[in-house]
Amino acid sequence: MLVRIDHASPVGLGEQVAASVRRAVAEGSLPKGRRLPAARALAKSLDINMHTVLRGYQILKEEGLIEMRPGRGAVVSAAAPDRALAVDACRHFVHLARHAGLSGPEILSMVETHLRS
């Protein structure tokens, strides 16, 4: 699995780690059940702090894309492929809505309207 980060990007490094993994899951190159690299090893290869990698992994855990297993590390969850596409689409939608000038409550209202239809 290839994780790429851009130190010049305004996006936080932890989010960049999460985005790389999310993309790999959505594309199918990181299948369910696959173990992610150990945070320490990935941090060393990217020349970033281990806690930054763990922050990225925590984001993915909160999105339901990975499971953190004591002694086994981070593993891609069974629901991850479908969830990764939905999370990616949601992030893209929110970005577009914010760019269009919509506020948080307006975005939530829009989503709630479409949930009912």
PDB file of N, CA and C in Angstrom:
ATOM      1  N   MET A   1       0.848  -1.175   0.000  1.00  0.00           N
ATOM      2  CA  MET A   1       0.000   0.000   0.000  1.00  0.00           C
ATOM      3  C   MET A   1       0.891   1.235   0.000  1.00  0.00           C
ATOM      4  N   LEU A   2       0.564   2.154  -0.866  1.00  0.00           N
ATOM      5  CA  LEU A   2       1.351   3.365  -0.995  1.00  0.00           C
ATOM      6  C   LEU A   2       0.595   4.532  -0.372  1.00  0.00           C
ATOM      7  N   VAL A   3       1.186   5.129   0.648  1.00  0.00           N
ATOM      8  CA  VAL A   3       0.605   6.303   1.289  1.00  0.00           C
ATOM      9  C   VAL A   3       1.439   7.492   0.851  1.00  0.00           C
ATOM     10  N   ARG A   4       0.755   8.508   0.354  1.00  0.00           N
ATOM     11  CA  ARG A   4       1.457   9.707  -0.094  1.00  0.00           C
ATOM     12  C   ARG A   4       1.005  10.898   0.738  1.00  0.00           C
ATOM     13  N   ILE A   5       1.967  11.727   1.067  1.00  0.00           N
ATOM     14  CA  ILE A   5       1.655  12.966   1.768  1.00  0.00           C
ATOM     15  C   ILE A   5       2.389  14.108   1.090  1.00  0.00           C
ATOM     16  N   ASP A   6       1.854  15.290   1.263  1.00  0.00           N
ATOM     17  CA  ASP A   6       2.442  16.504   0.702  1.00  0.00           C
ATOM     18  C   ASP A   6       2.620  17.488   1.842  1.00  0.00           C
ATOM     19  N   HIS A   7       3.868  17.711   2.227  1.00  0.00           N
ATOM     20  CA  HIS A   7       4.151  18.603   3.350  1.00  0.00           C
ATOM     21  C   HIS A   7       3.723  20.039   3.068  1.00  0.00           C
ATOM     22  N   ALA A   8       3.579  20.414   1.796  1.00  0.00           N
ATOM     23  CA  ALA A   8       3.184  21.777   1.433  1.00  0.00           C
ATOM     24  C   ALA A   8       1.667  21.959   1.402  1.00  0.00           C
ATOM     25  N   SER A   9       0.926  20.874   1.504  1.00  0.00           N
ATOM     26  CA  SER A   9      -0.540  20.939   1.432  1.00  0.00           C
ATOM     27  C   SER A   9      -1.121  21.577   2.692  1.00  0.00           C
ATOM     28  N   PRO A  10      -2.224  22.320   2.518  1.00  0.00           N
ATOM     29  CA  PRO A  10      -2.890  22.867   3.704  1.00  0.00           C
ATOM     30  C   PRO A  10      -3.656  21.801   4.490  1.00  0.00           C
ATOM     31  N   VAL A  11      -3.837  20.635   3.896  1.00  0.00           N
ATOM     32  CA  VAL A  11      -4.522  19.526   4.566  1.00  0.00           C
ATOM     33  C   VAL A  11      -3.556  18.909   5.566  1.00  0.00           C
ATOM     34  N   GLY A  12      -4.038  18.664   6.779  1.00  0.00           N
ATOM     35  CA  GLY A  12      -3.206  18.083   7.828  1.00  0.00           C
ATOM     36  C   GLY A  12      -2.628  16.732   7.421  1.00  0.00           C
ATOM     37  N   LEU A  13      -1.471  16.419   7.957  1.00  0.00           N
ATOM     38  CA  LEU A  13      -0.802  15.169   7.595  1.00  0.00           C
ATOM     39  C   LEU A  13      -1.608  13.942   7.999  1.00  0.00           C
ATOM     40  N   GLY A  14      -2.253  13.981   9.162  1.00  0.00           N
ATOM     41  CA  GLY A  14      -3.081  12.853   9.591  1.00  0.00           C
ATOM     42  C   GLY A  14      -4.225  12.617   8.623  1.00  0.00           C
ATOM     43  N   GLU A  15      -4.851  13.700   8.177  1.00  0.00           N
ATOM     44  CA  GLU A  15      -5.939  13.579   7.199  1.00  0.00           C
ATOM     45  C   GLU A  15      -5.406  13.064   5.865  1.00  0.00           C
ATOM     46  N   GLN A  16      -4.198  13.452   5.501  1.00  0.00           N
ATOM     47  CA  GLN A  16      -3.612  12.951   4.254  1.00  0.00           C
ATOM     48  C   GLN A  16      -3.358  11.446   4.335  1.00  0.00           C
ATOM     49  N   VAL A  17      -2.906  10.978   5.490  1.00  0.00           N
ATOM     50  CA  VAL A  17      -2.716   9.532   5.686  1.00  0.00           C
ATOM     51  C   VAL A  17      -4.063   8.831   5.532  1.00  0.00           C
ATOM     52  N   ALA A  18      -5.089   9.364   6.209  1.00  0.00           N
ATOM     53  CA  ALA A  18      -6.427   8.772   6.130  1.00  0.00           C
ATOM     54  C   ALA A  18      -6.941   8.784   4.694  1.00  0.00           C
ATOM     55  N   ALA A  19      -6.732   9.880   3.980  1.00  0.00           N
ATOM     56  CA  ALA A  19      -7.219   9.992   2.598  1.00  0.00           C
ATOM     57  C   ALA A  19      -6.536   8.980   1.691  1.00  0.00           C
ATOM     58  N   SER A  20      -5.251   8.747   1.883  1.00  0.00           N
ATOM     59  CA  SER A  20      -4.539   7.758   1.063  1.00  0.00           C
ATOM     60  C   SER A  20      -5.084   6.357   1.287  1.00  0.00           C
ATOM     61  N   VAL A  21      -5.306   6.020   2.553  1.00  0.00           N
ATOM     62  CA  VAL A  21      -5.851   4.693   2.865  1.00  0.00           C
ATOM     63  C   VAL A  21      -7.276   4.585   2.341  1.00  0.00           C
ATOM     64  N   ARG A  22      -8.078   5.635   2.555  1.00  0.00           N
ATOM     65  CA  ARG A  22      -9.470   5.650   2.083  1.00  0.00           C
ATOM     66  C   ARG A  22      -9.523   5.422   0.567  1.00  0.00           C
ATOM     67  N   ARG A  23      -8.646   6.098  -0.156  1.00  0.00           N
ATOM     68  CA  ARG A  23      -8.598   5.964  -1.612  1.00  0.00           C
ATOM     69  C   ARG A  23      -8.237   4.535  -2.018  1.00  0.00           C
ATOM     70  N   ALA A  24      -7.245   3.948  -1.325  1.00  0.00           N
ATOM     71  CA  ALA A  24      -6.830   2.578  -1.630  1.00  0.00           C
ATOM     72  C   ALA A  24      -7.963   1.586  -1.383  1.00  0.00           C
ATOM     73  N   VAL A  25      -8.731   1.811  -0.321  1.00  0.00           N
ATOM     74  CA  VAL A  25      -9.871   0.941  -0.029  1.00  0.00           C
ATOM     75  C   VAL A  25     -10.941   1.107  -1.101  1.00  0.00           C
ATOM     76  N   ALA A  26     -11.250   2.350  -1.458  1.00  0.00           N
ATOM     77  CA  ALA A  26     -12.289   2.615  -2.463  1.00  0.00           C
ATOM     78  C   ALA A  26     -11.914   2.040  -3.826  1.00  0.00           C
ATOM     79  N   GLU A  27     -10.629   2.080  -4.168  1.00  0.00           N
ATOM     80  CA  GLU A  27     -10.169   1.564  -5.462  1.00  0.00           C
ATOM     81  C   GLU A  27     -10.032   0.045  -5.465  1.00  0.00           C
ATOM     82  N   GLY A  28     -10.072  -0.564  -4.294  1.00  0.00           N
ATOM     83  CA  GLY A  28      -9.967  -2.017  -4.207  1.00  0.00           C
ATOM     84  C   GLY A  28      -8.554  -2.535  -4.056  1.00  0.00           C
ATOM     85  N   SER A  29      -7.572  -1.651  -4.001  1.00  0.00           N
ATOM     86  CA  SER A  29      -6.190  -2.120  -3.849  1.00  0.00           C
ATOM     87  C   SER A  29      -5.864  -2.481  -2.403  1.00  0.00           C
ATOM     88  N   LEU A  30      -6.765  -2.133  -1.492  1.00  0.00           N
ATOM     89  CA  LEU A  30      -6.623  -2.486  -0.081  1.00  0.00           C
ATOM     90  C   LEU A  30      -7.910  -3.187   0.347  1.00  0.00           C
ATOM     91  N   PRO A  31      -7.962  -4.527   0.206  1.00  0.00           N
ATOM     92  CA  PRO A  31      -9.198  -5.271   0.470  1.00  0.00           C
ATOM     93  C   PRO A  31      -9.514  -5.438   1.957  1.00  0.00           C
ATOM     94  N   LYS A  32     -10.764  -5.797   2.216  1.00  0.00           N
ATOM     95  CA  LYS A  32     -11.181  -6.032   3.605  1.00  0.00           C
ATOM     96  C   LYS A  32     -10.325  -7.141   4.213  1.00  0.00           C
ATOM     97  N   GLY A  33     -10.046  -6.977   5.493  1.00  0.00           N
ATOM     98  CA  GLY A  33      -9.233  -7.954   6.208  1.00  0.00           C
ATOM     99  C   GLY A  33      -7.741  -7.700   6.125  1.00  0.00           C
ATOM    100  N   ARG A  34      -7.313  -6.821   5.232  1.00  0.00           N
ATOM    101  CA  ARG A  34      -5.880  -6.540   5.081  1.00  0.00           C
ATOM    102  C   ARG A  34      -5.393  -5.688   6.238  1.00  0.00           C
ATOM    103  N   ARG A  35      -4.242  -6.024   6.742  1.00  0.00           N
ATOM    104  CA  ARG A  35      -3.644  -5.269   7.835  1.00  0.00           C
ATOM    105  C   ARG A  35      -2.908  -4.063   7.269  1.00  0.00           C
ATOM    106  N   LEU A  36      -3.072  -2.920   7.927  1.00  0.00           N
ATOM    107  CA  LEU A  36      -2.361  -1.706   7.541  1.00  0.00           C
ATOM    108  C   LEU A  36      -0.952  -1.758   8.120  1.00  0.00           C
ATOM    109  N   PRO A  37      -0.043  -1.011   7.539  1.00  0.00           N
ATOM    110  CA  PRO A  37       1.317  -0.986   8.097  1.00  0.00           C
ATOM    111  C   PRO A  37       1.296  -0.502   9.545  1.00  0.00           C
ATOM    112  N   ALA A  38       2.208  -0.993  10.329  1.00  0.00           N
ATOM    113  CA  ALA A  38       2.335  -0.523  11.706  1.00  0.00           C
ATOM    114  C   ALA A  38       2.586   0.979  11.684  1.00  0.00           C
ATOM    115  N   ALA A  39       1.987   1.685  12.618  1.00  0.00           N
ATOM    116  CA  ALA A  39       2.093   3.148  12.652  1.00  0.00           C
ATOM    117  C   ALA A  39       3.549   3.598  12.719  1.00  0.00           C
ATOM    118  N   ARG A  40       4.337   2.936  13.506  1.00  0.00           N
ATOM    119  CA  ARG A  40       5.745   3.317  13.646  1.00  0.00           C
ATOM    120  C   ARG A  40       6.491   3.156  12.317  1.00  0.00           C
ATOM    121  N   ALA A  41       6.272   2.049  11.634  1.00  0.00           N
ATOM    122  CA  ALA A  41       6.955   1.799  10.361  1.00  0.00           C
ATOM    123  C   ALA A  41       6.500   2.785   9.277  1.00  0.00           C
ATOM    124  N   LEU A  42       5.189   3.038   9.233  1.00  0.00           N
ATOM    125  CA  LEU A  42       4.673   3.974   8.230  1.00  0.00           C
ATOM    126  C   LEU A  42       5.193   5.382   8.501  1.00  0.00           C
ATOM    127  N   ALA A  43       5.202   5.769   9.757  1.00  0.00           N
ATOM    128  CA  ALA A  43       5.708   7.097  10.120  1.00  0.00           C
ATOM    129  C   ALA A  43       7.166   7.249   9.696  1.00  0.00           C
ATOM    130  N   LYS A  44       7.942   6.219   9.933  1.00  0.00           N
ATOM    131  CA  LYS A  44       9.357   6.275   9.564  1.00  0.00           C
ATOM    132  C   LYS A  44       9.516   6.400   8.055  1.00  0.00           C
ATOM    133  N   SER A  45       8.733   5.629   7.300  1.00  0.00           N
ATOM    134  CA  SER A  45       8.858   5.677   5.835  1.00  0.00           C
ATOM    135  C   SER A  45       8.399   7.011   5.257  1.00  0.00           C
ATOM    136  N   LEU A  46       7.466   7.686   5.943  1.00  0.00           N
ATOM    137  CA  LEU A  46       6.959   8.974   5.471  1.00  0.00           C
ATOM    138  C   LEU A  46       7.706  10.152   6.094  1.00  0.00           C
ATOM    139  N   ASP A  47       8.583   9.857   7.042  1.00  0.00           N
ATOM    140  CA  ASP A  47       9.332  10.869   7.777  1.00  0.00           C
ATOM    141  C   ASP A  47       8.392  11.839   8.496  1.00  0.00           C
ATOM    142  N   ILE A  48       7.410  11.245   9.209  1.00  0.00           N
ATOM    143  CA  ILE A  48       6.485  12.029  10.025  1.00  0.00           C
ATOM    144  C   ILE A  48       6.384  11.373  11.398  1.00  0.00           C
ATOM    145  N   ASN A  49       5.734  12.026  12.309  1.00  0.00           N
ATOM    146  CA  ASN A  49       5.570  11.531  13.673  1.00  0.00           C
ATOM    147  C   ASN A  49       4.593  10.358  13.707  1.00  0.00           C
ATOM    148  N   MET A  50       4.897   9.364  14.534  1.00  0.00           N
ATOM    149  CA  MET A  50       4.025   8.197  14.657  1.00  0.00           C
ATOM    150  C   MET A  50       2.611   8.592  15.101  1.00  0.00           C
ATOM    151  N   HIS A  51       2.498   9.603  15.950  1.00  0.00           N
ATOM    152  CA  HIS A  51       1.180  10.029  16.423  1.00  0.00           C
ATOM    153  C   HIS A  51       0.347  10.638  15.296  1.00  0.00           C
ATOM    154  N   THR A  52       1.013  11.170  14.291  1.00  0.00           N
ATOM    155  CA  THR A  52       0.308  11.689  13.114  1.00  0.00           C
ATOM    156  C   THR A  52      -0.335  10.538  12.345  1.00  0.00           C
ATOM    157  N   VAL A  53       0.394   9.453  12.193  1.00  0.00           N
ATOM    158  CA  VAL A  53      -0.161   8.261  11.534  1.00  0.00           C
ATOM    159  C   VAL A  53      -1.323   7.720  12.359  1.00  0.00           C
ATOM    160  N   LEU A  54      -1.147   7.652  13.666  1.00  0.00           N
ATOM    161  CA  LEU A  54      -2.215   7.159  14.545  1.00  0.00           C
ATOM    162  C   LEU A  54      -3.450   8.060  14.455  1.00  0.00           C
ATOM    163  N   ARG A  55      -3.256   9.366  14.280  1.00  0.00           N
ATOM    164  CA  ARG A  55      -4.386  10.285  14.107  1.00  0.00           C
ATOM    165  C   ARG A  55      -5.134   9.932  12.817  1.00  0.00           C
ATOM    166  N   GLY A  56      -4.391   9.655  11.754  1.00  0.00           N
ATOM    167  CA  GLY A  56      -5.020   9.237  10.497  1.00  0.00           C
ATOM    168  C   GLY A  56      -5.783   7.941  10.663  1.00  0.00           C
ATOM    169  N   TYR A  57      -5.198   6.987  11.368  1.00  0.00           N
ATOM    170  CA  TYR A  57      -5.864   5.712  11.618  1.00  0.00           C
ATOM    171  C   TYR A  57      -7.127   5.913  12.463  1.00  0.00           C
ATOM    172  N   GLN A  58      -7.066   6.833  13.425  1.00  0.00           N
ATOM    173  CA  GLN A  58      -8.236   7.105  14.264  1.00  0.00           C
ATOM    174  C   GLN A  58      -9.378   7.680  13.422  1.00  0.00           C
ATOM    175  N   ILE A  59      -9.063   8.542  12.476  1.00  0.00           N
ATOM    176  CA  ILE A  59     -10.082   9.089  11.571  1.00  0.00           C
ATOM    177  C   ILE A  59     -10.758   7.954  10.822  1.00  0.00           C
ATOM    178  N   LEU A  60      -9.964   7.034  10.317  1.00  0.00           N
ATOM    179  CA  LEU A  60     -10.500   5.897   9.563  1.00  0.00           C
ATOM    180  C   LEU A  60     -11.344   4.986  10.452  1.00  0.00           C
ATOM    181  N   LYS A  61     -10.928   4.831  11.695  1.00  0.00           N
ATOM    182  CA  LYS A  61     -11.699   4.023  12.642  1.00  0.00           C
ATOM    183  C   LYS A  61     -13.058   4.666  12.890  1.00  0.00           C
ATOM    184  N   GLU A  62     -13.078   5.981  13.091  1.00  0.00           N
ATOM    185  CA  GLU A  62     -14.333   6.690  13.326  1.00  0.00           C
ATOM    186  C   GLU A  62     -15.262   6.626  12.112  1.00  0.00           C
ATOM    187  N   GLU A  63     -14.695   6.510  10.926  1.00  0.00           N
ATOM    188  CA  GLU A  63     -15.490   6.383   9.702  1.00  0.00           C
ATOM    189  C   GLU A  63     -15.954   4.950   9.473  1.00  0.00           C
ATOM    190  N   GLY A  64     -15.482   4.024  10.293  1.00  0.00           N
ATOM    191  CA  GLY A  64     -15.868   2.623  10.158  1.00  0.00           C
ATOM    192  C   GLY A  64     -15.098   1.889   9.077  1.00  0.00           C
ATOM    193  N   LEU A  65     -13.986   2.453   8.630  1.00  0.00           N
ATOM    194  CA  LEU A  65     -13.219   1.833   7.548  1.00  0.00           C
ATOM    195  C   LEU A  65     -12.175   0.847   8.051  1.00  0.00           C
ATOM    196  N   ILE A  66     -11.709   1.036   9.264  1.00  0.00           N
ATOM    197  CA  ILE A  66     -10.745   0.097   9.834  1.00  0.00           C
ATOM    198  C   ILE A  66     -11.147  -0.252  11.252  1.00  0.00           C
ATOM    199  N   GLU A  67     -10.603  -1.358  11.716  1.00  0.00           N
ATOM    200  CA  GLU A  67     -10.770  -1.784  13.099  1.00  0.00           C
ATOM    201  C   GLU A  67      -9.382  -1.802  13.720  1.00  0.00           C
ATOM    202  N   MET A  68      -9.300  -1.316  14.938  1.00  0.00           N
ATOM    203  CA  MET A  68      -8.029  -1.345  15.664  1.00  0.00           C
ATOM    204  C   MET A  68      -8.085  -2.547  16.595  1.00  0.00           C
ATOM    205  N   ARG A  69      -7.189  -3.484  16.387  1.00  0.00           N
ATOM    206  CA  ARG A  69      -7.173  -4.702  17.197  1.00  0.00           C
ATOM    207  C   ARG A  69      -5.908  -4.751  18.037  1.00  0.00           C
ATOM    208  N   PRO A  70      -6.076  -4.812  19.351  1.00  0.00           N
ATOM    209  CA  PRO A  70      -4.893  -4.875  20.220  1.00  0.00           C
ATOM    210  C   PRO A  70      -3.984  -6.044  19.839  1.00  0.00           C
ATOM    211  N   GLY A  71      -2.728  -5.742  19.652  1.00  0.00           N
ATOM    212  CA  GLY A  71      -1.769  -6.786  19.303  1.00  0.00           C
ATOM    213  C   GLY A  71      -1.728  -7.136  17.833  1.00  0.00           C
ATOM    214  N   ARG A  72      -2.752  -6.717  17.078  1.00  0.00           N
ATOM    215  CA  ARG A  72      -2.789  -7.030  15.649  1.00  0.00           C
ATOM    216  C   ARG A  72      -2.734  -5.783  14.783  1.00  0.00           C
ATOM    217  N   GLY A  73      -2.909  -4.627  15.389  1.00  0.00           N
ATOM    218  CA  GLY A  73      -2.836  -3.386  14.629  1.00  0.00           C
ATOM    219  C   GLY A  73      -4.147  -3.033  13.957  1.00  0.00           C
ATOM    220  N   ALA A  74      -4.040  -2.250  12.913  1.00  0.00           N
ATOM    221  CA  ALA A  74      -5.212  -1.758  12.181  1.00  0.00           C
ATOM    222  C   ALA A  74      -5.507  -2.673  10.996  1.00  0.00           C
ATOM    223  N   VAL A  75      -6.785  -3.048  10.870  1.00  0.00           N
ATOM    224  CA  VAL A  75      -7.218  -3.963   9.815  1.00  0.00           C
ATOM    225  C   VAL A  75      -8.408  -3.349   9.091  1.00  0.00           C
ATOM    226  N   VAL A  76      -8.432  -3.474   7.765  1.00  0.00           N
ATOM    227  CA  VAL A  76      -9.544  -2.953   6.972  1.00  0.00           C
ATOM    228  C   VAL A  76     -10.811  -3.728   7.338  1.00  0.00           C
ATOM    229  N   SER A  77     -11.871  -3.012   7.694  1.00  0.00           N
ATOM    230  CA  SER A  77     -13.110  -3.658   8.127  1.00  0.00           C
ATOM    231  C   SER A  77     -13.858  -4.278   6.945  1.00  0.00           C
ATOM    232  N   ALA A  78     -14.768  -5.192   7.262  1.00  0.00           N
ATOM    233  CA  ALA A  78     -15.541  -5.883   6.234  1.00  0.00           C
ATOM    234  C   ALA A  78     -16.413  -4.924   5.426  1.00  0.00           C
ATOM    235  N   ALA A  79     -16.922  -3.879   6.077  1.00  0.00           N
ATOM    236  CA  ALA A  79     -17.807  -2.923   5.407  1.00  0.00           C
ATOM    237  C   ALA A  79     -17.038  -1.810   4.701  1.00  0.00           C
ATOM    238  N   ALA A  80     -15.724  -1.815   4.810  1.00  0.00           N
ATOM    239  CA  ALA A  80     -14.914  -0.696   4.334  1.00  0.00           C
ATOM    240  C   ALA A  80     -15.085  -0.333   2.862  1.00  0.00           C
ATOM    241  N   PRO A  81     -15.085  -1.291   1.930  1.00  0.00           N
ATOM    242  CA  PRO A  81     -15.166  -0.872   0.523  1.00  0.00           C
ATOM    243  C   PRO A  81     -16.391  -0.008   0.216  1.00  0.00           C
ATOM    244  N   ASP A  82     -17.560  -0.410   0.672  1.00  0.00           N
ATOM    245  CA  ASP A  82     -18.767   0.383   0.430  1.00  0.00           C
ATOM    246  C   ASP A  82     -18.734   1.692   1.205  1.00  0.00           C
ATOM    247  N   ARG A  83     -18.300   1.630   2.448  1.00  0.00           N
ATOM    248  CA  ARG A  83     -18.239   2.831   3.283  1.00  0.00           C
ATOM    249  C   ARG A  83     -17.238   3.834   2.732  1.00  0.00           C
ATOM    250  N   ALA A  84     -16.119   3.351   2.199  1.00  0.00           N
ATOM    251  CA  ALA A  84     -15.090   4.261   1.681  1.00  0.00           C
ATOM    252  C   ALA A  84     -15.652   5.116   0.558  1.00  0.00           C
ATOM    253  N   LEU A  85     -16.424   4.509  -0.319  1.00  0.00           N
ATOM    254  CA  LEU A  85     -17.031   5.276  -1.413  1.00  0.00           C
ATOM    255  C   LEU A  85     -18.006   6.306  -0.875  1.00  0.00           C
ATOM    256  N   ALA A  86     -18.811   5.923   0.113  1.00  0.00           N
ATOM    257  CA  ALA A  86     -19.790   6.841   0.697  1.00  0.00           C
ATOM    258  C   ALA A  86     -19.098   7.984   1.436  1.00  0.00           C
ATOM    259  N   VAL A  87     -18.075   7.675   2.198  1.00  0.00           N
ATOM    260  CA  VAL A  87     -17.347   8.710   2.935  1.00  0.00           C
ATOM    261  C   VAL A  87     -16.684   9.672   1.963  1.00  0.00           C
ATOM    262  N   ASP A  88     -16.070   9.128   0.918  1.00  0.00           N
ATOM    263  CA  ASP A  88     -15.412   9.968  -0.070  1.00  0.00           C
ATOM    264  C   ASP A  88     -16.423  10.884  -0.759  1.00  0.00           C
ATOM    265  N   ALA A  89     -17.584  10.338  -1.128  1.00  0.00           N
ATOM    266  CA  ALA A  89     -18.631  11.148  -1.767  1.00  0.00           C
ATOM    267  C   ALA A  89     -19.138  12.222  -0.812  1.00  0.00           C
ATOM    268  N   CYS A  90     -19.293  11.876   0.449  1.00  0.00           N
ATOM    269  CA  CYS A  90     -19.759  12.837   1.448  1.00  0.00           C
ATOM    270  C   CYS A  90     -18.756  13.972   1.614  1.00  0.00           C
ATOM    271  N   ARG A  91     -17.493  13.630   1.716  1.00  0.00           N
ATOM    272  CA  ARG A  91     -16.460  14.660   1.853  1.00  0.00           C
ATOM    273  C   ARG A  91     -16.456  15.579   0.636  1.00  0.00           C
ATOM    274  N   HIS A  92     -16.611  15.004  -0.539  1.00  0.00           N
ATOM    275  CA  HIS A  92     -16.643  15.800  -1.766  1.00  0.00           C
ATOM    276  C   HIS A  92     -17.869  16.724  -1.773  1.00  0.00           C
ATOM    277  N   PHE A  93     -19.014  16.186  -1.381  1.00  0.00           N
ATOM    278  CA  PHE A  93     -20.240  16.988  -1.320  1.00  0.00           C
ATOM    279  C   PHE A  93     -20.077  18.170  -0.368  1.00  0.00           C
ATOM    280  N   VAL A  94     -19.549  17.910   0.818  1.00  0.00           N
ATOM    281  CA  VAL A  94     -19.379  18.980   1.809  1.00  0.00           C
ATOM    282  C   VAL A  94     -18.413  20.034   1.275  1.00  0.00           C
ATOM    283  N   HIS A  95     -17.357  19.596   0.628  1.00  0.00           N
ATOM    284  CA  HIS A  95     -16.407  20.547   0.046  1.00  0.00           C
ATOM    285  C   HIS A  95     -17.099  21.434  -0.992  1.00  0.00           C
ATOM    286  N   LEU A  96     -17.873  20.818  -1.873  1.00  0.00           N
ATOM    287  CA  LEU A  96     -18.596  21.590  -2.897  1.00  0.00           C
ATOM    288  C   LEU A  96     -19.608  22.541  -2.272  1.00  0.00           C
ATOM    289  N   ALA A  97     -20.316  22.068  -1.261  1.00  0.00           N
ATOM    290  CA  ALA A  97     -21.328  22.896  -0.612  1.00  0.00           C
ATOM    291  C   ALA A  97     -20.686  24.085   0.097  1.00  0.00           C
ATOM    292  N   ARG A  98     -19.589  23.846   0.779  1.00  0.00           N
ATOM    293  CA  ARG A  98     -18.884  24.950   1.458  1.00  0.00           C
ATOM    294  C   ARG A  98     -18.357  25.955   0.426  1.00  0.00           C
ATOM    295  N   HIS A  99     -17.827  25.431  -0.685  1.00  0.00           N
ATOM    296  CA  HIS A  99     -17.317  26.299  -1.754  1.00  0.00           C
ATOM    297  C   HIS A  99     -18.446  27.155  -2.341  1.00  0.00           C
ATOM    298  N   ALA A 100     -19.655  26.605  -2.341  1.00  0.00           N
ATOM    299  CA  ALA A 100     -20.822  27.341  -2.855  1.00  0.00           C
ATOM    300  C   ALA A 100     -21.363  28.321  -1.809  1.00  0.00           C
ATOM    301  N   GLY A 101     -20.765  28.335  -0.619  1.00  0.00           N
ATOM    302  CA  GLY A 101     -21.168  29.296   0.399  1.00  0.00           C
ATOM    303  C   GLY A 101     -22.218  28.814   1.374  1.00  0.00           C
ATOM    304  N   LEU A 102     -22.547  27.528   1.348  1.00  0.00           N
ATOM    305  CA  LEU A 102     -23.541  27.004   2.277  1.00  0.00           C
ATOM    306  C   LEU A 102     -22.940  26.849   3.672  1.00  0.00           C
ATOM    307  N   SER A 103     -23.744  27.112   4.678  1.00  0.00           N
ATOM    308  CA  SER A 103     -23.309  26.951   6.069  1.00  0.00           C
ATOM    309  C   SER A 103     -23.506  25.498   6.500  1.00  0.00           C
ATOM    310  N   GLY A 104     -22.955  25.164   7.649  1.00  0.00           N
ATOM    311  CA  GLY A 104     -23.136  23.816   8.191  1.00  0.00           C
ATOM    312  C   GLY A 104     -24.600  23.430   8.345  1.00  0.00           C
ATOM    313  N   PRO A 105     -25.422  24.281   8.976  1.00  0.00           N
ATOM    314  CA  PRO A 105     -26.839  23.951   9.109  1.00  0.00           C
ATOM    315  C   PRO A 105     -27.558  23.815   7.756  1.00  0.00           C
ATOM    316  N   GLU A 106     -27.167  24.615   6.788  1.00  0.00           N
ATOM    317  CA  GLU A 106     -27.788  24.502   5.458  1.00  0.00           C
ATOM    318  C   GLU A 106     -27.424  23.173   4.800  1.00  0.00           C
ATOM    319  N   ILE A 107     -26.191  22.765   4.972  1.00  0.00           N
ATOM    320  CA  ILE A 107     -25.748  21.481   4.407  1.00  0.00           C
ATOM    321  C   ILE A 107     -26.505  20.334   5.068  1.00  0.00           C
ATOM    322  N   LEU A 108     -26.617  20.377   6.400  1.00  0.00           N
ATOM    323  CA  LEU A 108     -27.348  19.328   7.115  1.00  0.00           C
ATOM    324  C   LEU A 108     -28.818  19.292   6.699  1.00  0.00           C
ATOM    325  N   SER A 109     -29.415  20.459   6.535  1.00  0.00           N
ATOM    326  CA  SER A 109     -30.817  20.535   6.108  1.00  0.00           C
ATOM    327  C   SER A 109     -30.982  19.903   4.731  1.00  0.00           C
ATOM    328  N   MET A 110     -30.044  20.181   3.839  1.00  0.00           N
ATOM    329  CA  MET A 110     -30.089  19.618   2.493  1.00  0.00           C
ATOM    330  C   MET A 110     -30.026  18.092   2.549  1.00  0.00           C
ATOM    331  N   VAL A 111     -29.128  17.566   3.373  1.00  0.00           N
ATOM    332  CA  VAL A 111     -28.993  16.114   3.503  1.00  0.00           C
ATOM    333  C   VAL A 111     -30.260  15.516   4.096  1.00  0.00           C
ATOM    334  N   GLU A 112     -30.798  16.139   5.137  1.00  0.00           N
ATOM    335  CA  GLU A 112     -32.022  15.633   5.768  1.00  0.00           C
ATOM    336  C   GLU A 112     -33.186  15.623   4.784  1.00  0.00           C
ATOM    337  N   THR A 113     -33.272  16.631   3.953  1.00  0.00           N
ATOM    338  CA  THR A 113     -34.328  16.675   2.941  1.00  0.00           C
ATOM    339  C   THR A 113     -34.231  15.486   2.005  1.00  0.00           C
ATOM    340  N   HIS A 114     -33.020  15.162   1.601  1.00  0.00           N
ATOM    341  CA  HIS A 114     -32.825  14.044   0.665  1.00  0.00           C
ATOM    342  C   HIS A 114     -32.945  12.693   1.333  1.00  0.00           C
ATOM    343  N   LEU A 115     -32.764  12.641   2.638  1.00  0.00           N
ATOM    344  CA  LEU A 115     -32.974  11.384   3.351  1.00  0.00           C
ATOM    345  C   LEU A 115     -34.451  11.011   3.378  1.00  0.00           C
ATOM    346  N   ARG A 116     -35.297  12.024   3.418  1.00  0.00           N
ATOM    347  CA  ARG A 116     -36.757  11.790   3.476  1.00  0.00           C
ATOM    348  C   ARG A 116     -37.350  11.469   2.106  1.00  0.00           C
ATOM    349  N   SER A 117     -36.636  11.794   1.053  1.00  0.00           N
ATOM    350  CA  SER A 117     -37.231  11.584  -0.286  1.00  0.00           C
ATOM    351  C   SER A 117     -36.861  10.255  -0.880  1.00  0.00           C
TER     352      SER A 117
END
